[in-house]
Amino acid sequence: MEIEKRNPSVLETNVFYLVEGILLLILGGYVQSKEIYSGLLITQYLLILAPTIIYLKIRGYSLKTVLKLNKISLKQAILVPLIVIFSYPVAIFVNYLLVLLLSNFMELKPIPIPIPQNSKEFLMSLIIISITPGICEEVLFRGMVMSSYNKLGKKSAILISAMLFGIYHFNIQNLLGPTFLGIVFGYLVYKTGSIFTSMIAHGVNNAIALSISYFLIDKLDNIPVETEAITAVNSSLVTAMSIIIGGVFALISGVIALRLYRAMPRGKDIEILDYKKYTSRFIEYIPVIIVIVVFVIYNYLAFFS
């Protein structure tokens, strides 16, 4: 019973998640539409981080326990970025499969992440787009959410927090990638006993995506391409080859990431209730169901209407 009191309940966390989702869509969307960088800072620190910490403090929960604020070793700190580097191709591949499927039913749209135009903007983006979400979103998902679902067992806590993390992006085109990465982040936290590993992992992942956009994609747009050569190639063949090559690369990368994960030393154990004694109730998941319905409606209006 002592552990239960140190972690929020599933119901209150799901209600909090619902409120956070509404704040993100309404206030977050508004401030980001005015100016993307300041809007992202407001969203992350004022709409995600601050409410989470304030709520936990007001309710009397231990921040150290709920957020898993435990030290990590140097070896763990070194291995985490390497694990993320090799996990990233897997996330890209699974999300690519989703995008291929969706392309048969809707017109795809670019994910609204600003691409830096110069080195100054790139450094600013590293702070706002990489480091900031790595701190703020991890406090909510691998902190409060995952701790609440501990009573369902480690695997359930990791999977559910990852799914809620993916849905929280409110973009069906970018659903499976974040969900997969959420699973990776969750396992890192349980292995090391510290949220600092998922913060590092999240920040490194976003930095990789940002760097690819800045150093590679923008440059590729300036490479001349023969239109006739592209139209002459069967699109189905190109798709099949991309799936095969991407799948092989993702498989190899995933195996390397898994071996690095296994080589990582364990940290402090996270306290988990005897989940077999916990019986969940339907009412606890109503807030999550509402968020899923909003997710479906939001994406339908954005992509299908």
Protein backbone atom coordinates (compact mmCIF):
# COMPACT_ATOMS: atom_id res chain seq x y z
CA MET A 1 0.00 0.00 0.00
CA GLU A 2 2.90 2.32 0.66
CA ILE A 3 4.00 2.12 -2.97
CA GLU A 4 0.46 2.87 -4.19
CA LYS A 5 0.43 6.13 -2.25
CA ARG A 6 3.73 7.15 -3.82
CA ASN A 7 2.39 6.87 -7.38
CA PRO A 8 -0.70 8.49 -8.95
CA SER A 9 -3.63 6.24 -9.74
CA VAL A 10 -4.42 5.17 -13.28
CA LEU A 11 -7.67 7.17 -13.25
CA GLU A 12 -6.18 10.46 -12.12
CA THR A 13 -3.29 10.11 -14.58
CA ASN A 14 -5.67 9.41 -17.45
CA VAL A 15 -7.79 12.44 -16.50
CA PHE A 16 -4.62 14.51 -16.37
CA TYR A 17 -3.62 13.13 -19.80
CA LEU A 18 -7.00 14.18 -21.20
CA VAL A 19 -6.57 17.72 -19.86
CA GLU A 20 -3.04 17.84 -21.27
CA GLY A 21 -4.30 16.73 -24.66
CA ILE A 22 -6.90 19.49 -24.72
CA LEU A 23 -4.32 22.07 -23.65
CA LEU A 24 -1.97 20.90 -26.41
CA LEU A 25 -4.57 21.09 -29.15
CA ILE A 26 -6.14 24.40 -28.14
CA LEU A 27 -3.52 26.54 -26.39
CA GLY A 28 -0.47 24.77 -27.79
CA GLY A 29 -1.77 24.92 -31.32
CA TYR A 30 -2.63 28.60 -30.91
CA VAL A 31 0.75 29.77 -29.56
CA GLN A 32 2.65 27.67 -32.09
CA SER A 33 0.64 29.15 -34.95
CA LYS A 34 1.71 32.63 -33.83
CA GLU A 35 5.44 31.86 -33.67
CA ILE A 36 6.72 28.33 -33.78
CA TYR A 37 9.82 28.54 -31.55
CA SER A 38 8.32 30.57 -28.71
CA GLY A 39 5.13 28.54 -29.11
CA LEU A 40 7.04 25.29 -28.64
CA LEU A 41 8.74 26.65 -25.52
CA ILE A 42 5.40 27.71 -24.06
CA THR A 43 3.85 24.37 -24.93
CA GLN A 44 6.64 22.30 -23.44
CA TYR A 45 7.43 24.22 -20.27
CA LEU A 46 4.11 25.89 -19.40
CA LEU A 47 1.59 23.37 -20.73
CA ILE A 48 3.42 20.08 -20.13
CA LEU A 49 6.26 20.32 -17.60
CA ALA A 50 4.92 22.87 -15.12
CA PRO A 51 1.39 21.36 -14.77
CA THR A 52 2.85 17.87 -14.28
CA ILE A 53 5.25 18.90 -11.53
CA ILE A 54 2.72 21.22 -9.84
CA TYR A 55 0.05 18.51 -9.86
CA LEU A 56 2.38 15.90 -8.36
CA LYS A 57 3.53 18.33 -5.66
CA ILE A 58 -0.02 19.45 -4.78
CA ARG A 59 -1.14 15.84 -4.52
CA GLY A 60 1.79 15.08 -2.25
CA TYR A 61 3.56 12.52 -4.43
CA SER A 62 7.31 12.01 -4.22
CA LEU A 63 8.88 13.57 -7.31
CA LYS A 64 11.96 11.41 -6.85
CA THR A 65 9.86 8.25 -6.89
CA VAL A 66 7.29 9.14 -9.55
CA LEU A 67 9.80 10.73 -11.92
CA LYS A 68 12.57 8.23 -11.11
CA LEU A 69 15.16 10.93 -10.46
CA ASN A 70 18.06 8.55 -9.90
CA LYS A 71 21.68 8.94 -10.96
CA ILE A 72 23.07 7.10 -13.96
CA SER A 73 26.57 5.81 -14.54
CA LEU A 74 28.99 7.06 -17.17
CA LYS A 75 28.68 3.79 -19.10
CA GLN A 76 24.91 4.13 -19.17
CA ALA A 77 25.19 7.72 -20.37
CA ILE A 78 27.49 6.60 -23.19
CA LEU A 79 25.42 3.60 -24.27
CA VAL A 80 22.08 5.44 -24.39
CA PRO A 81 22.93 7.64 -27.42
CA LEU A 82 24.35 4.61 -29.24
CA ILE A 83 21.17 2.63 -28.60
CA VAL A 84 19.09 5.52 -29.94
CA ILE A 85 21.27 5.89 -33.05
CA PHE A 86 20.61 2.26 -33.98
CA SER A 87 16.95 2.36 -32.88
CA TYR A 88 16.23 5.39 -35.05
CA PRO A 89 16.22 3.49 -38.40
CA VAL A 90 13.73 1.01 -36.95
CA ALA A 91 11.40 3.83 -35.90
CA ILE A 92 11.71 5.43 -39.32
CA PHE A 93 10.97 2.13 -41.05
CA VAL A 94 7.84 1.25 -39.05
CA ASN A 95 6.54 4.78 -39.54
CA TYR A 96 7.34 4.54 -43.26
CA LEU A 97 5.17 1.43 -43.52
CA LEU A 98 2.32 3.32 -41.90
CA VAL A 99 2.77 6.26 -44.27
CA LEU A 100 2.74 3.90 -47.27
CA LEU A 101 -0.54 2.44 -46.07
CA LEU A 102 -2.08 5.84 -45.41
CA SER A 103 -1.00 7.15 -48.83
CA ASN A 104 -3.64 4.88 -50.38
CA PHE A 105 -6.41 6.70 -48.54
CA MET A 106 -5.31 10.29 -48.08
CA GLU A 107 -3.01 13.04 -49.27
CA LEU A 108 0.13 13.09 -47.17
CA LYS A 109 1.27 16.35 -45.60
CA PRO A 110 4.70 17.35 -44.29
CA ILE A 111 5.10 17.21 -40.52
CA PRO A 112 5.11 20.84 -39.31
CA ILE A 113 8.62 20.95 -37.83
CA PRO A 114 10.67 24.02 -38.81
CA ILE A 115 13.88 23.26 -40.73
CA PRO A 116 16.73 25.57 -39.65
CA GLN A 117 18.00 27.84 -42.39
CA ASN A 118 21.38 28.66 -40.85
CA SER A 119 23.74 27.57 -38.07
CA LYS A 120 22.19 29.99 -35.57
CA GLU A 121 18.72 28.58 -36.12
CA PHE A 122 20.14 25.06 -35.97
CA LEU A 123 21.65 25.63 -32.53
CA MET A 124 18.42 27.24 -31.34
CA SER A 125 16.45 24.30 -32.70
CA LEU A 126 18.67 21.84 -30.85
CA ILE A 127 17.62 23.49 -27.61
CA ILE A 128 13.94 23.98 -28.42
CA ILE A 129 13.17 20.89 -30.52
CA SER A 130 15.65 18.38 -29.10
CA ILE A 131 16.57 19.12 -25.49
CA THR A 132 13.30 20.72 -24.36
CA PRO A 133 10.91 17.88 -25.35
CA GLY A 134 13.46 15.42 -24.01
CA ILE A 135 12.96 16.94 -20.59
CA CYS A 136 9.32 18.01 -20.55
CA GLU A 137 7.63 15.12 -22.37
CA GLU A 138 9.65 12.50 -20.50
CA VAL A 139 8.55 13.93 -17.16
CA LEU A 140 4.96 13.36 -18.24
CA PHE A 141 5.18 10.02 -20.03
CA ARG A 142 8.11 8.03 -18.62
CA GLY A 143 7.57 9.83 -15.33
CA MET A 144 3.95 10.27 -14.27
CA VAL A 145 2.20 8.06 -16.83
CA MET A 146 4.54 5.08 -16.62
CA SER A 147 4.67 5.21 -12.82
CA SER A 148 0.87 5.15 -12.67
CA TYR A 149 0.70 2.06 -14.86
CA ASN A 150 3.37 0.22 -12.85
CA LYS A 151 0.58 -1.60 -11.04
CA LEU A 152 -0.28 -3.33 -14.34
CA GLY A 153 3.26 -4.69 -14.66
CA LYS A 154 6.41 -3.46 -16.36
CA LYS A 155 5.54 -4.46 -19.94
CA SER A 156 2.05 -2.97 -19.75
CA ALA A 157 3.40 0.25 -18.25
CA ILE A 158 5.95 0.58 -21.04
CA LEU A 159 3.51 -0.24 -23.84
CA ILE A 160 0.62 1.91 -22.61
CA SER A 161 2.82 4.93 -21.89
CA ALA A 162 4.36 4.54 -25.37
CA MET A 163 0.94 4.36 -27.05
CA LEU A 164 -0.28 7.43 -25.17
CA PHE A 165 2.96 9.17 -26.16
CA GLY A 166 2.38 8.36 -29.84
CA ILE A 167 -1.25 9.52 -29.73
CA TYR A 168 -0.21 12.72 -27.97
CA HIS A 169 1.51 13.89 -31.18
CA PHE A 170 -1.98 14.08 -32.75
CA ASN A 171 -0.62 13.23 -36.20
CA ILE A 172 -1.59 9.90 -37.72
CA GLN A 173 1.37 10.15 -40.11
CA ASN A 174 3.70 10.28 -37.14
CA LEU A 175 2.11 7.67 -34.89
CA LEU A 176 4.09 4.43 -35.05
CA GLY A 177 7.56 6.02 -34.96
CA PRO A 178 7.03 7.86 -31.65
CA THR A 179 5.18 4.84 -30.23
CA PHE A 180 8.12 2.55 -31.00
CA LEU A 181 10.58 5.05 -29.57
CA GLY A 182 8.38 5.38 -26.49
CA ILE A 183 8.83 1.64 -25.96
CA VAL A 184 12.60 2.04 -26.28
CA PHE A 185 12.61 4.94 -23.82
CA GLY A 186 10.48 2.94 -21.39
CA TYR A 187 12.81 -0.05 -21.41
CA LEU A 188 15.79 2.23 -20.88
CA VAL A 189 14.14 3.71 -17.79
CA TYR A 190 13.33 0.31 -16.32
CA LYS A 191 16.80 -1.03 -17.07
CA THR A 192 18.61 1.92 -15.48
CA GLY A 193 16.00 2.94 -12.92
CA SER A 194 16.36 6.54 -14.03
CA ILE A 195 14.34 8.93 -16.18
CA PHE A 196 17.58 10.68 -17.13
CA THR A 197 18.30 7.92 -19.63
CA SER A 198 15.01 8.48 -21.46
CA MET A 199 15.61 12.24 -21.40
CA ILE A 200 18.99 11.72 -23.06
CA ALA A 201 17.50 9.22 -25.51
CA HIS A 202 14.60 11.50 -26.43
CA GLY A 203 16.90 14.48 -26.93
CA VAL A 204 19.36 12.48 -29.06
CA ASN A 205 16.55 11.09 -31.21
CA ASN A 206 15.15 14.56 -31.92
CA ALA A 207 18.66 15.85 -32.59
CA ILE A 208 19.18 13.11 -35.19
CA ALA A 209 15.92 13.98 -36.95
CA LEU A 210 16.74 17.68 -36.84
CA SER A 211 20.28 17.15 -38.15
CA ILE A 212 19.06 14.99 -41.02
CA SER A 213 16.57 17.71 -41.99
CA TYR A 214 19.20 20.45 -41.79
CA PHE A 215 22.24 18.76 -43.29
CA LEU A 216 20.74 16.27 -45.72
CA ILE A 217 17.15 16.78 -46.84
CA ASP A 218 17.52 20.49 -47.55
CA LYS A 219 20.66 19.80 -49.59
CA LEU A 220 19.02 16.98 -51.57
CA ASP A 221 16.33 19.39 -52.75
CA ASN A 222 19.00 21.27 -54.67
CA ILE A 223 20.30 18.20 -56.55
CA PRO A 224 19.09 18.18 -60.19
CA VAL A 225 17.03 15.10 -61.04
CA GLU A 226 15.90 13.83 -64.43
CA THR A 227 12.11 13.73 -64.28
CA GLU A 228 11.93 11.32 -67.20
CA ALA A 229 14.15 8.85 -65.38
CA ILE A 230 11.87 8.88 -62.37
CA THR A 231 8.64 8.45 -64.31
CA ALA A 232 10.20 5.61 -66.30
CA VAL A 233 10.72 3.54 -63.17
CA ASN A 234 7.80 1.48 -62.00
CA SER A 235 6.58 3.03 -58.74
CA SER A 236 5.58 -0.36 -57.34
CA LEU A 237 9.10 -1.65 -57.91
CA VAL A 238 10.60 1.38 -56.19
CA THR A 239 8.27 0.89 -53.23
CA ALA A 240 9.09 -2.81 -52.99
CA MET A 241 12.82 -2.15 -53.12
CA SER A 242 12.57 0.58 -50.49
CA ILE A 243 10.69 -1.79 -48.18
CA ILE A 244 13.22 -4.58 -48.66
CA ILE A 245 16.31 -2.39 -48.27
CA GLY A 246 14.78 -0.39 -45.45
CA GLY A 247 13.62 -3.55 -43.70
CA VAL A 248 17.05 -5.19 -43.86
CA PHE A 249 18.75 -2.02 -42.63
CA ALA A 250 16.19 -1.64 -39.82
CA LEU A 251 16.64 -5.28 -38.81
CA ILE A 252 20.42 -4.99 -38.61
CA SER A 253 20.19 -1.69 -36.72
CA GLY A 254 17.62 -3.15 -34.34
CA VAL A 255 19.83 -6.15 -33.54
CA ILE A 256 22.76 -3.86 -32.77
CA ALA A 257 20.56 -1.66 -30.57
CA LEU A 258 19.30 -4.72 -28.69
CA ARG A 259 22.84 -5.96 -28.05
CA LEU A 260 23.88 -2.54 -26.78
CA TYR A 261 20.84 -2.51 -24.53
CA ARG A 262 21.76 -5.90 -23.08
CA ALA A 263 25.31 -4.66 -22.49
CA MET A 264 24.04 -1.73 -20.44
CA PRO A 265 24.54 -2.19 -16.68
CA ARG A 266 21.42 -2.24 -14.55
CA GLY A 267 20.62 0.66 -12.29
CA LYS A 268 18.30 1.08 -9.33
CA ASP A 269 15.25 -1.20 -9.45
CA ILE A 270 11.90 0.53 -9.92
CA GLU A 271 9.30 -0.46 -7.35
CA ILE A 272 6.37 -2.29 -8.92
CA LEU A 273 3.21 -3.53 -7.24
CA ASP A 274 2.09 -7.11 -7.54
CA TYR A 275 0.09 -6.37 -10.66
CA LYS A 276 -1.75 -9.69 -10.48
CA LYS A 277 -3.60 -8.32 -7.47
CA TYR A 278 -4.70 -5.17 -9.31
CA THR A 279 -8.01 -5.19 -11.15
CA SER A 280 -8.48 -2.34 -13.60
CA ARG A 281 -11.90 -0.77 -14.14
CA PHE A 282 -13.43 0.49 -17.37
CA ILE A 283 -14.10 3.92 -15.88
CA GLU A 284 -10.34 4.46 -15.48
CA TYR A 285 -9.86 4.43 -19.26
CA ILE A 286 -12.73 6.69 -20.29
CA PRO A 287 -10.43 9.78 -20.43
CA VAL A 288 -8.04 7.89 -22.74
CA ILE A 289 -10.93 6.77 -24.93
CA ILE A 290 -12.00 10.41 -25.23
CA VAL A 291 -8.47 11.38 -26.31
CA ILE A 292 -8.46 8.60 -28.92
CA VAL A 293 -11.82 9.80 -30.28
CA VAL A 294 -10.45 13.36 -30.45
CA PHE A 295 -7.34 12.00 -32.19
CA VAL A 296 -9.46 10.27 -34.83
CA ILE A 297 -11.70 13.30 -35.42
CA TYR A 298 -8.76 15.70 -35.51
CA ASN A 299 -6.88 13.64 -38.07
CA TYR A 300 -10.00 13.03 -40.15
CA LEU A 301 -10.59 16.77 -40.41
CA ALA A 302 -6.92 17.44 -41.12
CA PHE A 303 -6.29 14.74 -43.74
CA PHE A 304 -9.54 13.29 -45.06
CA SER A 305 -12.08 16.11 -45.19
